[in-house]
C-alpha atoms as a PDB file:
ATOM      1  CA  MET A   1    -171.144  95.254 146.546  1.00  0.00           C
ATOM      2  CA  SER A   2    -168.809  96.984 144.431  1.00  0.00           C
ATOM      3  CA  LYS A   3    -166.206  99.148 145.730  1.00  0.00           C
ATOM      4  CA  THR A   4    -167.120 102.611 146.584  1.00  0.00           C
ATOM      5  CA  ILE A   5    -165.929 105.985 144.373  1.00  0.00           C
ATOM      6  CA  LEU A   6    -164.538 108.539 146.750  1.00  0.00           C
ATOM      7  CA  THR A   7    -164.668 112.630 145.629  1.00  0.00           C
ATOM      8  CA  CYS A   8    -162.843 114.755 147.711  1.00  0.00           C
ATOM      9  CA  ALA A   9    -164.269 118.111 146.727  1.00  0.00           C
ATOM     10  CA  ILE A  10    -160.968 120.442 147.569  1.00  0.00           C
ATOM     11  CA  THR A  11    -161.999 124.068 148.071  1.00  0.00           C
ATOM     12  CA  GLY A  12    -165.610 125.050 146.660  1.00  0.00           C
ATOM     13  CA  ASN A  13    -166.778 128.555 146.744  1.00  0.00           C
ATOM     14  CA  LEU A  14    -168.289 129.289 150.241  1.00  0.00           C
ATOM     15  CA  THR A  15    -165.800 127.792 152.445  1.00  0.00           C
ATOM     16  CA  LYS A  16    -163.672 130.961 153.432  1.00  0.00           C
ATOM     17  CA  PRO A  17    -160.296 131.639 154.471  1.00  0.00           C
ATOM     18  CA  GLU A  18    -161.025 132.955 157.901  1.00  0.00           C
ATOM     19  CA  MET A  19    -162.869 130.073 158.874  1.00  0.00           C
ATOM     20  CA  THR A  20    -159.809 128.333 158.726  1.00  0.00           C
ATOM     21  CA  PRO A  21    -156.172 128.891 158.071  1.00  0.00           C
ATOM     22  CA  TYR A  22    -155.509 125.198 156.534  1.00  0.00           C
ATOM     23  CA  LEU A  23    -158.223 126.081 152.990  1.00  0.00           C
ATOM     24  CA  PRO A  24    -156.214 125.664 149.968  1.00  0.00           C
ATOM     25  CA  ILE A  25    -156.194 128.957 148.042  1.00  0.00           C
ATOM     26  CA  THR A  26    -153.561 129.060 144.972  1.00  0.00           C
ATOM     27  CA  PRO A  27    -153.758 126.618 142.238  1.00  0.00           C
ATOM     28  CA  GLU A  28    -150.390 125.153 143.673  1.00  0.00           C
ATOM     29  CA  GLN A  29    -152.319 124.281 147.122  1.00  0.00           C
ATOM     30  CA  ILE A  30    -155.420 123.420 145.332  1.00  0.00           C
ATOM     31  CA  ALA A  31    -153.111 120.864 143.239  1.00  0.00           C
ATOM     32  CA  ASN A  32    -151.597 119.902 146.097  1.00  0.00           C
ATOM     33  CA  ALA A  33    -154.172 119.061 148.351  1.00  0.00           C
ATOM     34  CA  ALA A  34    -155.879 116.992 145.440  1.00  0.00           C
ATOM     35  CA  LEU A  35    -152.963 114.868 145.189  1.00  0.00           C
ATOM     36  CA  GLU A  36    -152.661 113.883 149.139  1.00  0.00           C
ATOM     37  CA  ALA A  37    -156.568 113.336 148.435  1.00  0.00           C
ATOM     38  CA  ALA A  38    -155.849 111.035 146.073  1.00  0.00           C
ATOM     39  CA  GLU A  39    -152.787 109.216 147.722  1.00  0.00           C
ATOM     40  CA  ALA A  40    -155.184 108.947 150.764  1.00  0.00           C
ATOM     41  CA  GLY A  41    -157.779 107.212 148.517  1.00  0.00           C
ATOM     42  CA  ALA A  42    -159.754 109.418 146.687  1.00  0.00           C
ATOM     43  CA  ALA A  43    -160.792 108.738 142.853  1.00  0.00           C
ATOM     44  CA  VAL A  44    -162.015 111.978 142.073  1.00  0.00           C
ATOM     45  CA  ALA A  45    -160.537 115.668 142.584  1.00  0.00           C
ATOM     46  CA  HIS A  46    -163.938 118.179 142.236  1.00  0.00           C
ATOM     47  CA  ILE A  47    -162.223 121.594 142.031  1.00  0.00           C
ATOM     48  CA  HIS A  48    -163.415 125.183 142.281  1.00  0.00           C
ATOM     49  CA  VAL A  49    -160.685 127.844 142.078  1.00  0.00           C
ATOM     50  CA  ARG A  50    -159.792 131.160 144.238  1.00  0.00           C
ATOM     51  CA  HIS A  51    -158.357 134.501 143.513  1.00  0.00           C
ATOM     52  CA  PRO A  52    -154.754 135.310 145.163  1.00  0.00           C
ATOM     53  CA  ASP A  53    -157.347 136.569 147.939  1.00  0.00           C
ATOM     54  CA  GLY A  54    -159.063 133.452 148.740  1.00  0.00           C
ATOM     55  CA  LYS A  55    -162.384 135.196 146.754  1.00  0.00           C
ATOM     56  CA  PRO A  56    -163.953 132.501 144.294  1.00  0.00           C
ATOM     57  CA  SER A  57    -162.468 132.883 141.069  1.00  0.00           C
ATOM     58  CA  MET A  58    -163.992 131.567 137.676  1.00  0.00           C
ATOM     59  CA  GLU A  59    -160.649 132.080 135.346  1.00  0.00           C
ATOM     60  CA  VAL A  60    -159.962 129.845 133.131  1.00  0.00           C
ATOM     61  CA  GLU A  61    -156.483 130.214 133.396  1.00  0.00           C
ATOM     62  CA  HIS A  62    -156.495 129.490 137.527  1.00  0.00           C
ATOM     63  CA  TYR A  63    -158.494 125.882 136.559  1.00  0.00           C
ATOM     64  CA  ALA A  64    -155.718 125.308 133.717  1.00  0.00           C
ATOM     65  CA  GLU A  65    -152.848 125.989 136.249  1.00  0.00           C
ATOM     66  CA  THR A  66    -154.256 123.675 138.820  1.00  0.00           C
ATOM     67  CA  ILE A  67    -155.443 120.521 136.449  1.00  0.00           C
ATOM     68  CA  ASP A  68    -151.405 120.913 134.756  1.00  0.00           C
ATOM     69  CA  LEU A  69    -149.850 120.660 138.225  1.00  0.00           C
ATOM     70  CA  ILE A  70    -152.353 117.827 139.537  1.00  0.00           C
ATOM     71  CA  LYS A  71    -151.595 116.120 135.845  1.00  0.00           C
ATOM     72  CA  LYS A  72    -147.504 115.964 136.224  1.00  0.00           C
ATOM     73  CA  GLN A  73    -147.901 114.279 139.530  1.00  0.00           C
ATOM     74  CA  ASN A  74    -150.835 112.053 138.707  1.00  0.00           C
ATOM     75  CA  LYS A  75    -152.529 111.311 135.248  1.00  0.00           C
ATOM     76  CA  GLN A  76    -154.697 109.017 136.617  1.00  0.00           C
ATOM     77  CA  LEU A  77    -157.275 110.766 138.877  1.00  0.00           C
ATOM     78  CA  ILE A  78    -160.360 111.876 137.832  1.00  0.00           C
ATOM     79  CA  ILE A  79    -160.567 115.766 137.669  1.00  0.00           C
ATOM     80  CA  ASN A  80    -164.444 117.082 138.157  1.00  0.00           C
ATOM     81  CA  LEU A  81    -164.696 120.717 137.497  1.00  0.00           C
ATOM     82  CA  THR A  82    -167.468 122.851 139.224  1.00  0.00           C
ATOM     83  CA  THR A  83    -169.890 124.645 136.964  1.00  0.00           C
ATOM     84  CA  GLY A  84    -171.774 126.168 139.848  1.00  0.00           C
ATOM     85  CA  PRO A  85    -170.130 129.515 140.218  1.00  0.00           C
ATOM     86  CA  GLY A  86    -172.425 132.594 138.606  1.00  0.00           C
ATOM     87  CA  GLY A  87    -175.525 131.261 139.683  1.00  0.00           C
ATOM     88  CA  ARG A  88    -176.287 133.126 142.916  1.00  0.00           C
ATOM     89  CA  PHE A  89    -178.466 136.027 143.029  1.00  0.00           C
ATOM     90  CA  VAL A  90    -179.199 138.244 146.234  1.00  0.00           C
ATOM     91  CA  PRO A  91    -181.528 140.716 145.562  1.00  0.00           C
ATOM     92  CA  SER A  92    -181.726 144.417 146.745  1.00  0.00           C
ATOM     93  CA  GLU A  93    -183.740 145.072 149.832  1.00  0.00           C
ATOM     94  CA  ASP A  94    -185.036 148.246 148.164  1.00  0.00           C
ATOM     95  CA  GLU A  95    -185.502 146.615 144.268  1.00  0.00           C
ATOM     96  CA  PRO A  96    -185.701 143.194 144.267  1.00  0.00           C
ATOM     97  CA  LYS A  97    -185.366 143.139 140.639  1.00  0.00           C
ATOM     98  CA  ILE A  98    -181.473 144.780 141.492  1.00  0.00           C
ATOM     99  CA  PHE A  99    -178.910 142.782 142.431  1.00  0.00           C
ATOM    100  CA  THR A 100    -176.865 144.099 145.284  1.00  0.00           C
ATOM    101  CA  THR A 101    -173.619 142.263 146.880  1.00  0.00           C
ATOM    102  CA  GLY A 102    -172.994 138.532 146.971  1.00  0.00           C
ATOM    103  CA  THR A 103    -174.589 138.260 143.296  1.00  0.00           C
ATOM    104  CA  THR A 104    -172.527 136.067 140.749  1.00  0.00           C
ATOM    105  CA  LEU A 105    -175.621 135.764 137.961  1.00  0.00           C
ATOM    106  CA  CYS A 106    -173.601 136.030 134.929  1.00  0.00           C
ATOM    107  CA  HIS A 107    -174.120 134.361 131.444  1.00  0.00           C
ATOM    108  CA  PRO A 108    -174.789 130.105 131.430  1.00  0.00           C
ATOM    109  CA  LEU A 109    -171.907 129.751 128.731  1.00  0.00           C
ATOM    110  CA  LYS A 110    -169.462 131.987 130.817  1.00  0.00           C
ATOM    111  CA  ARG A 111    -170.093 129.437 133.678  1.00  0.00           C
ATOM    112  CA  VAL A 112    -169.092 126.509 131.135  1.00  0.00           C
ATOM    113  CA  GLU A 113    -166.376 128.340 129.368  1.00  0.00           C
ATOM    114  CA  HIS A 114    -163.565 126.593 130.901  1.00  0.00           C
ATOM    115  CA  ILE A 115    -165.057 123.330 130.327  1.00  0.00           C
ATOM    116  CA  ALA A 116    -165.034 123.834 126.527  1.00  0.00           C
ATOM    117  CA  LYS A 117    -161.392 124.680 127.041  1.00  0.00           C
ATOM    118  CA  LEU A 118    -159.948 122.411 129.019  1.00  0.00           C
ATOM    119  CA  LYS A 119    -162.245 119.294 128.531  1.00  0.00           C
ATOM    120  CA  PRO A 120    -161.904 117.745 131.876  1.00  0.00           C
ATOM    121  CA  ASP A 121    -163.230 114.467 132.866  1.00  0.00           C
ATOM    122  CA  ILE A 122    -166.519 115.190 134.626  1.00  0.00           C
ATOM    123  CA  CYS A 123    -168.171 118.194 135.482  1.00  0.00           C
ATOM    124  CA  SER A 124    -170.690 119.404 137.684  1.00  0.00           C
ATOM    125  CA  LEU A 125    -174.152 120.209 136.113  1.00  0.00           C
ATOM    126  CA  ASP A 126    -176.565 122.306 139.385  1.00  0.00           C
ATOM    127  CA  LEU A 127    -180.199 121.675 138.598  1.00  0.00           C
ATOM    128  CA  ASN A 128    -181.302 123.603 141.492  1.00  0.00           C
ATOM    129  CA  THR A 129    -183.335 126.870 141.483  1.00  0.00           C
ATOM    130  CA  MET A 130    -183.945 127.621 145.069  1.00  0.00           C
ATOM    131  CA  ASN A 131    -183.676 129.275 148.335  1.00  0.00           C
ATOM    132  CA  SER A 132    -179.806 128.662 149.369  1.00  0.00           C
ATOM    133  CA  GLY A 133    -179.404 130.096 152.928  1.00  0.00           C
ATOM    134  CA  PRO A 134    -180.066 133.939 152.954  1.00  0.00           C
ATOM    135  CA  ASP A 135    -179.929 134.071 149.132  1.00  0.00           C
ATOM    136  CA  VAL A 136    -181.178 132.519 146.074  1.00  0.00           C
ATOM    137  CA  VAL A 137    -179.613 130.022 143.412  1.00  0.00           C
ATOM    138  CA  MET A 138    -180.804 129.848 140.064  1.00  0.00           C
ATOM    139  CA  ASN A 139    -180.466 127.666 137.409  1.00  0.00           C
ATOM    140  CA  THR A 140    -183.461 127.793 134.980  1.00  0.00           C
ATOM    141  CA  PRO A 141    -183.965 124.758 132.680  1.00  0.00           C
ATOM    142  CA  VAL A 142    -183.603 127.076 129.472  1.00  0.00           C
ATOM    143  CA  ASN A 143    -179.644 127.827 131.244  1.00  0.00           C
ATOM    144  CA  CYS A 144    -179.418 124.498 132.197  1.00  0.00           C
ATOM    145  CA  ARG A 145    -179.887 122.921 128.330  1.00  0.00           C
ATOM    146  CA  LYS A 146    -177.411 125.732 127.095  1.00  0.00           C
ATOM    147  CA  MET A 147    -174.546 124.589 129.902  1.00  0.00           C
ATOM    148  CA  ALA A 148    -175.307 120.857 128.865  1.00  0.00           C
ATOM    149  CA  LYS A 149    -174.839 121.385 125.379  1.00  0.00           C
ATOM    150  CA  VAL A 150    -171.363 122.964 125.734  1.00  0.00           C
ATOM    151  CA  ILE A 151    -170.288 120.472 128.385  1.00  0.00           C
ATOM    152  CA  ARG A 152    -171.924 117.461 126.031  1.00  0.00           C
ATOM    153  CA  ASP A 153    -170.514 119.024 122.865  1.00  0.00           C
ATOM    154  CA  ALA A 154    -166.842 119.395 124.879  1.00  0.00           C
ATOM    155  CA  GLY A 155    -166.959 115.013 125.580  1.00  0.00           C
ATOM    156  CA  VAL A 156    -167.199 115.564 129.353  1.00  0.00           C
ATOM    157  CA  MET A 157    -169.596 113.858 131.342  1.00  0.00           C
ATOM    158  CA  PRO A 158    -172.025 115.524 133.438  1.00  0.00           C
ATOM    159  CA  GLU A 159    -172.332 115.091 137.611  1.00  0.00           C
ATOM    160  CA  LEU A 160    -175.465 116.201 137.997  1.00  0.00           C
ATOM    161  CA  GLU A 161    -176.142 118.332 141.490  1.00  0.00           C
ATOM    162  CA  ILE A 162    -179.707 117.375 142.691  1.00  0.00           C
ATOM    163  CA  PHE A 163    -180.290 119.679 146.065  1.00  0.00           C
ATOM    164  CA  ASP A 164    -184.213 118.952 146.018  1.00  0.00           C
ATOM    165  CA  THR A 165    -186.836 116.651 144.198  1.00  0.00           C
ATOM    166  CA  GLY A 166    -187.464 119.008 141.695  1.00  0.00           C
ATOM    167  CA  ASP A 167    -184.038 119.180 139.940  1.00  0.00           C
ATOM    168  CA  LEU A 168    -184.667 115.100 139.300  1.00  0.00           C
ATOM    169  CA  ASN A 169    -187.244 115.769 137.633  1.00  0.00           C
ATOM    170  CA  LEU A 170    -185.967 118.281 135.299  1.00  0.00           C
ATOM    171  CA  ALA A 171    -182.902 116.150 134.641  1.00  0.00           C
ATOM    172  CA  ARG A 172    -185.609 113.487 133.600  1.00  0.00           C
ATOM    173  CA  ASP A 173    -186.761 116.083 131.143  1.00  0.00           C
ATOM    174  CA  MET A 174    -183.809 116.738 130.024  1.00  0.00           C
ATOM    175  CA  ILE A 175    -183.057 112.862 129.208  1.00  0.00           C
ATOM    176  CA  ALA A 176    -186.016 113.013 127.666  1.00  0.00           C
ATOM    177  CA  ASP A 177    -185.520 115.532 125.424  1.00  0.00           C
ATOM    178  CA  GLY A 178    -181.854 114.767 124.244  1.00  0.00           C
ATOM    179  CA  SER A 179    -179.843 117.461 126.441  1.00  0.00           C
ATOM    180  CA  LEU A 180    -178.594 114.845 128.671  1.00  0.00           C
ATOM    181  CA  GLU A 181    -177.437 111.063 128.195  1.00  0.00           C
ATOM    182  CA  GLY A 182    -179.061 109.046 130.096  1.00  0.00           C
ATOM    183  CA  PRO A 183    -179.467 107.905 132.698  1.00  0.00           C
ATOM    184  CA  GLY A 184    -176.918 109.450 134.176  1.00  0.00           C
ATOM    185  CA  LEU A 185    -174.611 110.192 137.022  1.00  0.00           C
ATOM    186  CA  TYR A 186    -176.220 112.135 140.064  1.00  0.00           C
ATOM    187  CA  THR A 187    -175.010 113.345 143.290  1.00  0.00           C
ATOM    188  CA  PHE A 188    -177.209 114.488 146.211  1.00  0.00           C
ATOM    189  CA  VAL A 189    -176.598 117.276 148.587  1.00  0.00           C
ATOM    190  CA  MET A 190    -177.517 116.867 151.875  1.00  0.00           C
ATOM    191  CA  GLY A 191    -177.859 119.667 153.933  1.00  0.00           C
ATOM    192  CA  VAL A 192    -177.917 122.798 152.319  1.00  0.00           C
ATOM    193  CA  LYS A 193    -180.258 125.058 154.077  1.00  0.00           C
ATOM    194  CA  TYR A 194    -183.796 124.864 152.398  1.00  0.00           C
ATOM    195  CA  GLY A 195    -182.656 121.936 150.260  1.00  0.00           C
ATOM    196  CA  PHE A 196    -182.648 118.350 151.319  1.00  0.00           C
ATOM    197  CA  ASN A 197    -182.746 117.658 154.776  1.00  0.00           C
ATOM    198  CA  THR A 198    -180.165 114.733 155.767  1.00  0.00           C
ATOM    199  CA  ASP A 199    -181.828 112.176 157.739  1.00  0.00           C
ATOM    200  CA  PRO A 200    -181.499 108.570 155.564  1.00  0.00           C
ATOM    201  CA  ALA A 201    -185.260 108.396 154.733  1.00  0.00           C
ATOM    202  CA  THR A 202    -185.032 111.139 152.560  1.00  0.00           C
ATOM    203  CA  LEU A 203    -181.551 109.700 151.070  1.00  0.00           C
ATOM    204  CA  LEU A 204    -183.430 106.287 150.155  1.00  0.00           C
ATOM    205  CA  PHE A 205    -186.571 108.149 149.075  1.00  0.00           C
ATOM    206  CA  MET A 206    -184.270 110.130 146.635  1.00  0.00           C
ATOM    207  CA  ARG A 207    -182.772 106.496 145.466  1.00  0.00           C
ATOM    208  CA  SER A 208    -185.727 105.190 144.903  1.00  0.00           C
ATOM    209  CA  GLN A 209    -186.644 107.690 142.133  1.00  0.00           C
ATOM    210  CA  LEU A 210    -183.327 107.692 140.398  1.00  0.00           C
ATOM    211  CA  PRO A 211    -184.024 106.341 136.472  1.00  0.00           C
ATOM    212  CA  ALA A 212    -183.296 102.547 135.875  1.00  0.00           C
ATOM    213  CA  GLY A 213    -179.356 102.223 136.103  1.00  0.00           C
ATOM    214  CA  ALA A 214    -178.226 105.532 137.021  1.00  0.00           C
ATOM    215  CA  LYS A 215    -174.852 105.891 139.375  1.00  0.00           C
ATOM    216  CA  TRP A 216    -175.271 108.364 142.473  1.00  0.00           C
ATOM    217  CA  ALA A 217    -173.444 109.509 145.140  1.00  0.00           C
ATOM    218  CA  ALA A 218    -174.408 111.794 147.871  1.00  0.00           C
ATOM    219  CA  PHE A 219    -172.911 113.835 150.535  1.00  0.00           C
ATOM    220  CA  GLY A 220    -173.389 116.033 153.435  1.00  0.00           C
ATOM    221  CA  ILE A 221    -172.859 119.806 154.561  1.00  0.00           C
ATOM    222  CA  SER A 222    -171.207 120.199 157.878  1.00  0.00           C
ATOM    223  CA  ARG A 223    -172.111 118.111 160.701  1.00  0.00           C
ATOM    224  CA  ALA A 224    -173.789 115.676 158.210  1.00  0.00           C
ATOM    225  CA  GLU A 225    -170.373 114.988 156.314  1.00  0.00           C
ATOM    226  CA  PHE A 226    -169.875 111.870 158.315  1.00  0.00           C
ATOM    227  CA  PRO A 227    -173.002 110.340 158.660  1.00  0.00           C
ATOM    228  CA  ILE A 228    -173.772 110.907 155.124  1.00  0.00           C
ATOM    229  CA  VAL A 229    -170.717 108.850 153.929  1.00  0.00           C
ATOM    230  CA  ALA A 230    -172.345 105.947 155.999  1.00  0.00           C
ATOM    231  CA  ALA A 231    -175.636 105.893 154.817  1.00  0.00           C
ATOM    232  CA  ALA A 232    -174.811 106.436 151.038  1.00  0.00           C
ATOM    233  CA  TYR A 233    -172.485 103.655 151.027  1.00  0.00           C
ATOM    234  CA  LEU A 234    -175.004 101.439 153.231  1.00  0.00           C
ATOM    235  CA  PHE A 235    -177.693 102.312 150.276  1.00  0.00           C
ATOM    236  CA  GLY A 236    -175.258 101.561 147.109  1.00  0.00           C
ATOM    237  CA  GLY A 237    -174.123 104.609 146.499  1.00  0.00           C
ATOM    238  CA  HIS A 238    -170.582 106.322 146.363  1.00  0.00           C
ATOM    239  CA  VAL A 239    -169.395 109.525 148.515  1.00  0.00           C
ATOM    240  CA  ARG A 240    -167.951 112.774 148.922  1.00  0.00           C
ATOM    241  CA  VAL A 241    -165.938 114.685 151.273  1.00  0.00           C
ATOM    242  CA  GLY A 242    -163.878 117.750 151.042  1.00  0.00           C
ATOM    243  CA  MET A 243    -163.498 121.513 152.665  1.00  0.00           C
ATOM    244  CA  GLU A 244    -165.705 122.386 150.269  1.00  0.00           C
ATOM    245  CA  ASP A 245    -168.628 120.753 152.466  1.00  0.00           C
ATOM    246  CA  ASN A 246    -166.827 120.734 156.035  1.00  0.00           C
ATOM    247  CA  ILE A 247    -163.916 121.632 157.863  1.00  0.00           C
ATOM    248  CA  TYR A 248    -164.287 119.589 160.763  1.00  0.00           C
ATOM    249  CA  LEU A 249    -162.439 116.188 161.366  1.00  0.00           C
ATOM    250  CA  GLU A 250    -164.932 115.737 164.804  1.00  0.00           C
ATOM    251  CA  LYS A 251    -166.837 118.590 166.870  1.00  0.00           C
ATOM    252  CA  GLY A 252    -164.395 121.002 167.248  1.00  0.00           C
ATOM    253  CA  VAL A 253    -161.901 120.358 165.822  1.00  0.00           C
ATOM    254  CA  LEU A 254    -160.446 121.698 162.568  1.00  0.00           C
ATOM    255  CA  CYS A 255    -159.295 119.402 160.021  1.00  0.00           C
ATOM    256  CA  LYS A 256    -155.480 120.281 158.682  1.00  0.00           C
ATOM    257  CA  SER A 257    -156.332 118.945 155.399  1.00  0.00           C
ATOM    258  CA  ASN A 258    -158.683 117.075 152.935  1.00  0.00           C
ATOM    259  CA  ALA A 259    -156.381 114.030 153.291  1.00  0.00           C
ATOM    260  CA  GLU A 260    -157.650 114.156 156.833  1.00  0.00           C
ATOM    261  CA  LEU A 261    -160.781 114.045 155.788  1.00  0.00           C
ATOM    262  CA  VAL A 262    -160.706 111.189 152.860  1.00  0.00           C
ATOM    263  CA  LEU A 263    -158.625 108.626 155.237  1.00  0.00           C
ATOM    264  CA  LYS A 264    -161.467 109.136 157.994  1.00  0.00           C
ATOM    265  CA  ALA A 265    -164.206 108.532 155.073  1.00  0.00           C
ATOM    266  CA  LYS A 266    -162.142 105.110 154.208  1.00  0.00           C
ATOM    267  CA  GLY A 267    -161.999 104.061 158.035  1.00  0.00           C
ATOM    268  CA  ILE A 268    -165.767 104.561 158.304  1.00  0.00           C
ATOM    269  CA  LEU A 269    -165.968 102.571 155.000  1.00  0.00           C
ATOM    270  CA  LYS A 270    -163.797  99.764 156.040  1.00  0.00           C
ATOM    271  CA  GLU A 271    -165.577  99.431 159.011  1.00  0.00           C
ATOM    272  CA  LEU A 272    -168.670  99.004 157.616  1.00  0.00           C
ATOM    273  CA  GLY A 273    -167.097  96.443 155.063  1.00  0.00           C
ATOM    274  CA  GLY A 274    -166.496  98.631 152.306  1.00  0.00           C
ATOM    275  CA  GLN A 275    -163.288  99.687 149.817  1.00  0.00           C
ATOM    276  CA  LEU A 276    -162.468 102.491 148.115  1.00  0.00           C
ATOM    277  CA  ALA A 277    -161.953 102.484 144.231  1.00  0.00           C
ATOM    278  CA  SER A 278    -159.071 103.670 143.115  1.00  0.00           C
ATOM    279  CA  SER A 279    -158.887 106.220 140.341  1.00  0.00           C
ATOM    280  CA  VAL A 280    -158.286 103.625 137.336  1.00  0.00           C
ATOM    281  CA  GLU A 281    -161.247 101.289 138.658  1.00  0.00           C
ATOM    282  CA  ALA A 282    -163.477 104.654 138.869  1.00  0.00           C
ATOM    283  CA  ARG A 283    -162.576 105.126 135.229  1.00  0.00           C
ATOM    284  CA  GLU A 284    -163.735 101.757 134.300  1.00  0.00           C
ATOM    285  CA  MET A 285    -166.868 101.990 136.818  1.00  0.00           C
ATOM    286  CA  LEU A 286    -167.987 105.563 134.942  1.00  0.00           C
ATOM    287  CA  GLY A 287    -166.953 104.892 131.578  1.00  0.00           C
ATOM    288  CA  LEU A 288    -163.907 107.053 131.178  1.00  0.00           C
ATOM    289  CA  LYS A 289    -161.229 107.244 129.137  1.00  0.00           C
ATOM    290  CA  MET A 290    -158.199 108.721 129.596  1.00  0.00           C
ATOM    291  CA  HIS A 291    -157.368 112.340 127.792  1.00  0.00           C
END
């Protein structure tokens, strides 16, 4: 088997500072966490940003500062920026057409503004419209195509995040009509409530549905993080860990850094006979050029 690309998802959108004192929040903390993860073996840093109070941010300036701090010390690390924020809808109990607290839904072009300006190596593109825990996430086909056009015009590689079977059907349609370039880069998100289950059979089925030649990875939420690292590797995929997905090193033990999660995943792959790709090797595998 070829080497495995490990992505570290540094801070995410839903992990809260009150859950763990170790969550990176400021651009400097997020950048340092990404650099430590790279030192531990991550080839890709998947980045969300935060306001100083810890709440999720969509500010271009926060992304720009974080990237600048990373690139001052590591120009090879692959930068993967999120476009997920801005898709959540929480309906009012009295009038479901009206949104209430927790809603982030906004114009799709706002969600890719930082991609057009900063042109990272990769950015996520969520294709899911689904019940996500108690809320609803909305990524309609029209909005996905609008975001895909901005991503493509910026010369950025979209990482297609797949939460359920219908998302992959949408990806195929978007490839067929030219909205996306095939065969594509896919990440299966395992364990979001009301999305994919975390059993190996589900992952194996989804792998079987991919277009020929597609590159793919998978990650598990919470306690499924490390089992999915093993399953994804054994099924020929790439892997992801990070405090966006899970904050525990083992049951009841908080990780103190993203690097700890990377090192544990690296150990699992080594025990199974795997080897992590460096950022330089991952760029070659994905066909990414240096900016």
